[in-house]
Amino acid sequence: MKGHIRQRGRNSFELKFDAGRDPATGKRRIQYASFKGTKREAQIKLAALITSVGAGSYVEPSKSTVAEFAGGLPLVYAPPDEFGHGGLRRLDVGAGAD
């Protein structure tokens, strides 16, 4: 994996790193991240990003909104009197609850 640091301001850096290859096209995926702090801290952050890509734990940022994300979640509410607080509460819907 490769990476590069570019200074943008006094304590602002652009971190550029390789995020692997696109499985469909085989092209390199380049990711950018902004960082505020010292150059040494930016180097540590870049190393952590490159390590997370190598380990497979890096999650690319997405442009989805909160409404789009929440649209796929199940919403189950309890009646107000069940908890005695006068308002609706969301119930925990686990994997085993049917």
N, C-alpha and C. Protein backbone atom coordinates (compact mmCIF):
# COMPACT_ATOMS: atom_id res chain seq x y z
N MET A 1 0.84 -1.18 0.00
CA MET A 1 0.00 0.00 0.00
C MET A 1 0.89 1.24 0.00
N LYS A 2 0.39 2.28 -0.63
CA LYS A 2 1.14 3.52 -0.74
C LYS A 2 0.35 4.65 -0.11
N GLY A 3 1.07 5.72 0.25
CA GLY A 3 0.43 6.90 0.80
C GLY A 3 1.32 8.12 0.66
N HIS A 4 0.70 9.28 0.77
CA HIS A 4 1.43 10.54 0.63
C HIS A 4 0.77 11.60 1.49
N ILE A 5 1.59 12.51 2.02
CA ILE A 5 1.09 13.62 2.83
C ILE A 5 1.43 14.92 2.12
N ARG A 6 0.44 15.80 2.00
CA ARG A 6 0.65 17.12 1.41
C ARG A 6 0.17 18.16 2.40
N GLN A 7 1.02 19.14 2.69
CA GLN A 7 0.64 20.18 3.63
C GLN A 7 -0.25 21.19 2.91
N ARG A 8 -1.38 21.52 3.54
CA ARG A 8 -2.33 22.45 2.94
C ARG A 8 -2.34 23.79 3.65
N GLY A 9 -2.04 23.82 4.90
CA GLY A 9 -1.99 25.04 5.70
C GLY A 9 -0.96 24.87 6.78
N ARG A 10 -1.05 25.72 7.78
CA ARG A 10 -0.06 25.66 8.85
C ARG A 10 -0.09 24.31 9.58
N ASN A 11 -1.27 23.89 9.98
CA ASN A 11 -1.42 22.59 10.67
C ASN A 11 -2.50 21.75 10.00
N SER A 12 -2.57 21.81 8.68
CA SER A 12 -3.57 21.08 7.93
C SER A 12 -2.89 20.27 6.83
N PHE A 13 -3.27 19.00 6.72
CA PHE A 13 -2.63 18.11 5.78
C PHE A 13 -3.66 17.33 4.99
N GLU A 14 -3.30 16.99 3.76
CA GLU A 14 -4.10 16.11 2.93
C GLU A 14 -3.41 14.76 2.91
N LEU A 15 -4.13 13.73 3.28
CA LEU A 15 -3.59 12.37 3.29
C LEU A 15 -4.13 11.65 2.06
N LYS A 16 -3.26 11.17 1.22
CA LYS A 16 -3.64 10.45 0.02
C LYS A 16 -3.11 9.03 0.16
N PHE A 17 -3.99 8.05 -0.03
CA PHE A 17 -3.56 6.67 0.14
C PHE A 17 -4.29 5.74 -0.80
N ASP A 18 -3.65 4.63 -1.07
CA ASP A 18 -4.17 3.61 -1.95
C ASP A 18 -5.16 2.76 -1.18
N ALA A 19 -6.38 2.62 -1.70
CA ALA A 19 -7.40 1.83 -1.02
C ALA A 19 -7.66 0.51 -1.73
N GLY A 20 -6.64 -0.05 -2.32
CA GLY A 20 -6.79 -1.33 -3.01
C GLY A 20 -7.24 -1.14 -4.45
N ARG A 21 -7.74 -2.20 -5.03
CA ARG A 21 -8.18 -2.16 -6.43
C ARG A 21 -9.68 -2.38 -6.51
N ASP A 22 -10.28 -1.77 -7.51
CA ASP A 22 -11.70 -1.97 -7.78
C ASP A 22 -11.87 -3.37 -8.36
N PRO A 23 -12.69 -4.22 -7.74
CA PRO A 23 -12.82 -5.59 -8.24
C PRO A 23 -13.43 -5.67 -9.64
N ALA A 24 -14.26 -4.70 -9.99
CA ALA A 24 -14.93 -4.74 -11.29
C ALA A 24 -13.99 -4.33 -12.42
N THR A 25 -13.23 -3.25 -12.21
CA THR A 25 -12.40 -2.72 -13.29
C THR A 25 -10.93 -3.05 -13.13
N GLY A 26 -10.48 -3.36 -11.93
CA GLY A 26 -9.08 -3.64 -11.69
C GLY A 26 -8.23 -2.39 -11.51
N LYS A 27 -8.86 -1.21 -11.54
CA LYS A 27 -8.13 0.04 -11.38
C LYS A 27 -7.88 0.33 -9.91
N ARG A 28 -6.81 1.11 -9.64
CA ARG A 28 -6.50 1.51 -8.26
C ARG A 28 -7.57 2.47 -7.75
N ARG A 29 -7.90 2.33 -6.48
CA ARG A 29 -8.81 3.26 -5.82
C ARG A 29 -7.98 4.15 -4.91
N ILE A 30 -8.00 5.44 -5.15
CA ILE A 30 -7.26 6.41 -4.35
C ILE A 30 -8.25 7.13 -3.44
N GLN A 31 -7.92 7.20 -2.16
CA GLN A 31 -8.76 7.90 -1.18
C GLN A 31 -7.99 9.09 -0.62
N TYR A 32 -8.72 10.12 -0.25
CA TYR A 32 -8.14 11.31 0.35
C TYR A 32 -8.79 11.54 1.70
N ALA A 33 -8.01 12.07 2.64
CA ALA A 33 -8.54 12.41 3.95
C ALA A 33 -7.87 13.70 4.40
N SER A 34 -8.63 14.56 5.05
CA SER A 34 -8.07 15.78 5.62
C SER A 34 -7.68 15.51 7.06
N PHE A 35 -6.64 16.19 7.50
CA PHE A 35 -6.17 16.01 8.88
C PHE A 35 -5.65 17.32 9.41
N LYS A 36 -6.03 17.64 10.64
CA LYS A 36 -5.53 18.84 11.31
C LYS A 36 -4.68 18.40 12.50
N GLY A 37 -3.47 18.90 12.56
CA GLY A 37 -2.54 18.53 13.62
C GLY A 37 -1.12 18.71 13.11
N THR A 38 -0.19 18.11 13.82
CA THR A 38 1.21 18.22 13.43
C THR A 38 1.51 17.23 12.30
N LYS A 39 2.67 17.42 11.68
CA LYS A 39 3.06 16.53 10.59
C LYS A 39 3.27 15.11 11.11
N ARG A 40 3.83 14.99 12.29
CA ARG A 40 4.06 13.67 12.89
C ARG A 40 2.73 12.96 13.15
N GLU A 41 1.74 13.71 13.65
CA GLU A 41 0.42 13.11 13.88
C GLU A 41 -0.23 12.70 12.56
N ALA A 42 -0.01 13.50 11.51
CA ALA A 42 -0.53 13.16 10.19
C ALA A 42 0.11 11.88 9.67
N GLN A 43 1.41 11.71 9.91
CA GLN A 43 2.09 10.49 9.49
C GLN A 43 1.53 9.27 10.21
N ILE A 44 1.24 9.43 11.49
CA ILE A 44 0.67 8.33 12.27
C ILE A 44 -0.73 7.98 11.76
N LYS A 45 -1.54 9.01 11.46
CA LYS A 45 -2.89 8.79 10.94
C LYS A 45 -2.85 8.10 9.58
N LEU A 46 -1.93 8.54 8.71
CA LEU A 46 -1.79 7.91 7.40
C LEU A 46 -1.39 6.44 7.54
N ALA A 47 -0.46 6.16 8.44
CA ALA A 47 -0.04 4.77 8.67
C ALA A 47 -1.22 3.93 9.17
N ALA A 48 -2.05 4.52 10.04
CA ALA A 48 -3.22 3.80 10.55
C ALA A 48 -4.22 3.53 9.42
N LEU A 49 -4.43 4.49 8.53
CA LEU A 49 -5.35 4.30 7.41
C LEU A 49 -4.83 3.21 6.47
N ILE A 50 -3.55 3.24 6.16
CA ILE A 50 -2.98 2.23 5.27
C ILE A 50 -3.06 0.84 5.91
N THR A 51 -2.83 0.77 7.22
CA THR A 51 -2.92 -0.50 7.93
C THR A 51 -4.34 -1.04 7.91
N SER A 52 -5.33 -0.15 8.11
CA SER A 52 -6.73 -0.60 8.11
C SER A 52 -7.16 -1.09 6.73
N VAL A 53 -6.64 -0.47 5.67
CA VAL A 53 -6.94 -0.95 4.32
C VAL A 53 -6.34 -2.34 4.13
N GLY A 54 -5.10 -2.52 4.57
CA GLY A 54 -4.44 -3.82 4.44
C GLY A 54 -5.12 -4.91 5.24
N ALA A 55 -5.67 -4.54 6.40
CA ALA A 55 -6.35 -5.52 7.25
C ALA A 55 -7.79 -5.78 6.80
N GLY A 56 -8.30 -4.93 5.91
CA GLY A 56 -9.67 -5.11 5.44
C GLY A 56 -10.71 -4.47 6.33
N SER A 57 -10.30 -3.64 7.29
CA SER A 57 -11.27 -3.02 8.19
C SER A 57 -11.61 -1.58 7.80
N TYR A 58 -11.03 -1.07 6.72
CA TYR A 58 -11.31 0.30 6.29
C TYR A 58 -12.67 0.35 5.61
N VAL A 59 -13.48 1.32 6.00
CA VAL A 59 -14.79 1.53 5.40
C VAL A 59 -14.75 2.85 4.66
N GLU A 60 -14.99 2.81 3.34
CA GLU A 60 -14.96 4.03 2.55
C GLU A 60 -16.14 4.92 2.92
N PRO A 61 -15.91 6.24 2.96
CA PRO A 61 -17.02 7.15 3.25
C PRO A 61 -18.05 7.09 2.13
N SER A 62 -19.30 7.25 2.50
CA SER A 62 -20.37 7.21 1.49
C SER A 62 -21.14 8.52 1.52
N LYS A 63 -21.90 8.76 0.48
CA LYS A 63 -22.68 9.98 0.36
C LYS A 63 -24.14 9.76 0.77
N SER A 64 -24.44 8.64 1.42
CA SER A 64 -25.83 8.39 1.82
C SER A 64 -26.21 9.29 2.99
N THR A 65 -27.46 9.68 3.00
CA THR A 65 -27.95 10.55 4.06
C THR A 65 -28.45 9.70 5.23
N VAL A 66 -28.71 10.34 6.34
CA VAL A 66 -29.24 9.65 7.51
C VAL A 66 -30.61 9.07 7.19
N ALA A 67 -31.42 9.79 6.43
CA ALA A 67 -32.75 9.30 6.07
C ALA A 67 -32.67 8.04 5.22
N GLU A 68 -31.71 7.99 4.28
CA GLU A 68 -31.54 6.79 3.47
C GLU A 68 -31.07 5.62 4.32
N PHE A 69 -30.16 5.89 5.26
CA PHE A 69 -29.67 4.84 6.14
C PHE A 69 -30.78 4.32 7.04
N ALA A 70 -31.54 5.22 7.63
CA ALA A 70 -32.60 4.83 8.57
C ALA A 70 -33.79 4.21 7.85
N GLY A 71 -33.92 4.44 6.56
CA GLY A 71 -35.04 3.88 5.81
C GLY A 71 -35.03 2.37 5.78
N GLY A 72 -33.88 1.75 5.89
CA GLY A 72 -33.79 0.30 5.86
C GLY A 72 -33.88 -0.36 7.22
N LEU A 73 -33.98 0.42 8.30
CA LEU A 73 -34.05 -0.15 9.64
C LEU A 73 -35.48 -0.46 10.04
N PRO A 74 -35.69 -1.56 10.74
CA PRO A 74 -37.06 -1.85 11.20
C PRO A 74 -37.42 -0.94 12.37
N LEU A 75 -38.61 -0.37 12.31
CA LEU A 75 -39.08 0.50 13.38
C LEU A 75 -40.24 -0.19 14.09
N VAL A 76 -40.03 -0.51 15.34
CA VAL A 76 -41.05 -1.15 16.16
C VAL A 76 -41.19 -0.32 17.42
N TYR A 77 -42.39 0.10 17.73
CA TYR A 77 -42.62 0.93 18.90
C TYR A 77 -43.56 0.24 19.88
N ALA A 78 -43.35 0.50 21.15
CA ALA A 78 -44.22 -0.04 22.19
C ALA A 78 -45.33 0.96 22.48
N PRO A 79 -46.46 0.50 22.95
CA PRO A 79 -47.51 1.44 23.35
C PRO A 79 -47.01 2.32 24.49
N PRO A 80 -47.49 3.56 24.61
CA PRO A 80 -46.99 4.47 25.64
C PRO A 80 -47.17 3.97 27.06
N ASP A 81 -48.25 3.26 27.34
CA ASP A 81 -48.51 2.83 28.70
C ASP A 81 -47.62 1.66 29.14
N GLU A 82 -46.97 0.99 28.21
CA GLU A 82 -46.14 -0.15 28.56
C GLU A 82 -44.93 0.27 29.41
N PHE A 83 -44.40 1.45 29.18
CA PHE A 83 -43.26 1.92 29.94
C PHE A 83 -43.64 2.95 30.98
N GLY A 84 -44.83 3.50 30.87
CA GLY A 84 -45.30 4.44 31.87
C GLY A 84 -44.70 5.83 31.78
N HIS A 85 -44.03 6.15 30.70
CA HIS A 85 -43.43 7.47 30.55
C HIS A 85 -44.29 8.41 29.72
N GLY A 86 -45.39 7.95 29.18
CA GLY A 86 -46.27 8.81 28.42
C GLY A 86 -45.84 9.04 26.98
N GLY A 87 -44.76 8.44 26.55
CA GLY A 87 -44.29 8.62 25.17
C GLY A 87 -43.96 7.30 24.54
N LEU A 88 -43.77 7.32 23.27
CA LEU A 88 -43.41 6.10 22.56
C LEU A 88 -41.93 5.81 22.75
N ARG A 89 -41.60 4.56 22.84
CA ARG A 89 -40.20 4.13 22.95
C ARG A 89 -39.95 3.08 21.89
N ARG A 90 -38.79 3.12 21.34
CA ARG A 90 -38.41 2.13 20.35
C ARG A 90 -38.00 0.84 21.05
N LEU A 91 -38.53 -0.29 20.61
CA LEU A 91 -38.17 -1.57 21.19
C LEU A 91 -36.93 -2.11 20.51
N ASP A 92 -36.14 -2.85 21.24
CA ASP A 92 -34.96 -3.49 20.68
C ASP A 92 -35.39 -4.73 19.92
N VAL A 93 -35.15 -4.72 18.61
CA VAL A 93 -35.52 -5.85 17.79
C VAL A 93 -34.26 -6.63 17.50
N GLY A 94 -34.06 -7.72 18.22
CA GLY A 94 -32.85 -8.52 18.05
C GLY A 94 -33.03 -9.57 16.98
N ALA A 95 -31.97 -10.34 16.74
CA ALA A 95 -31.99 -11.37 15.72
C ALA A 95 -32.94 -12.51 16.10
N GLY A 96 -33.07 -12.77 17.40
CA GLY A 96 -33.90 -13.89 17.83
C GLY A 96 -35.34 -13.52 18.12
N ALA A 97 -35.67 -12.25 18.05
CA ALA A 97 -37.03 -11.81 18.38
C ALA A 97 -37.91 -11.91 17.15
N ASP A 98 -38.94 -12.73 17.22
CA ASP A 98 -39.91 -12.86 16.11
C ASP A 98 -41.30 -12.69 16.64
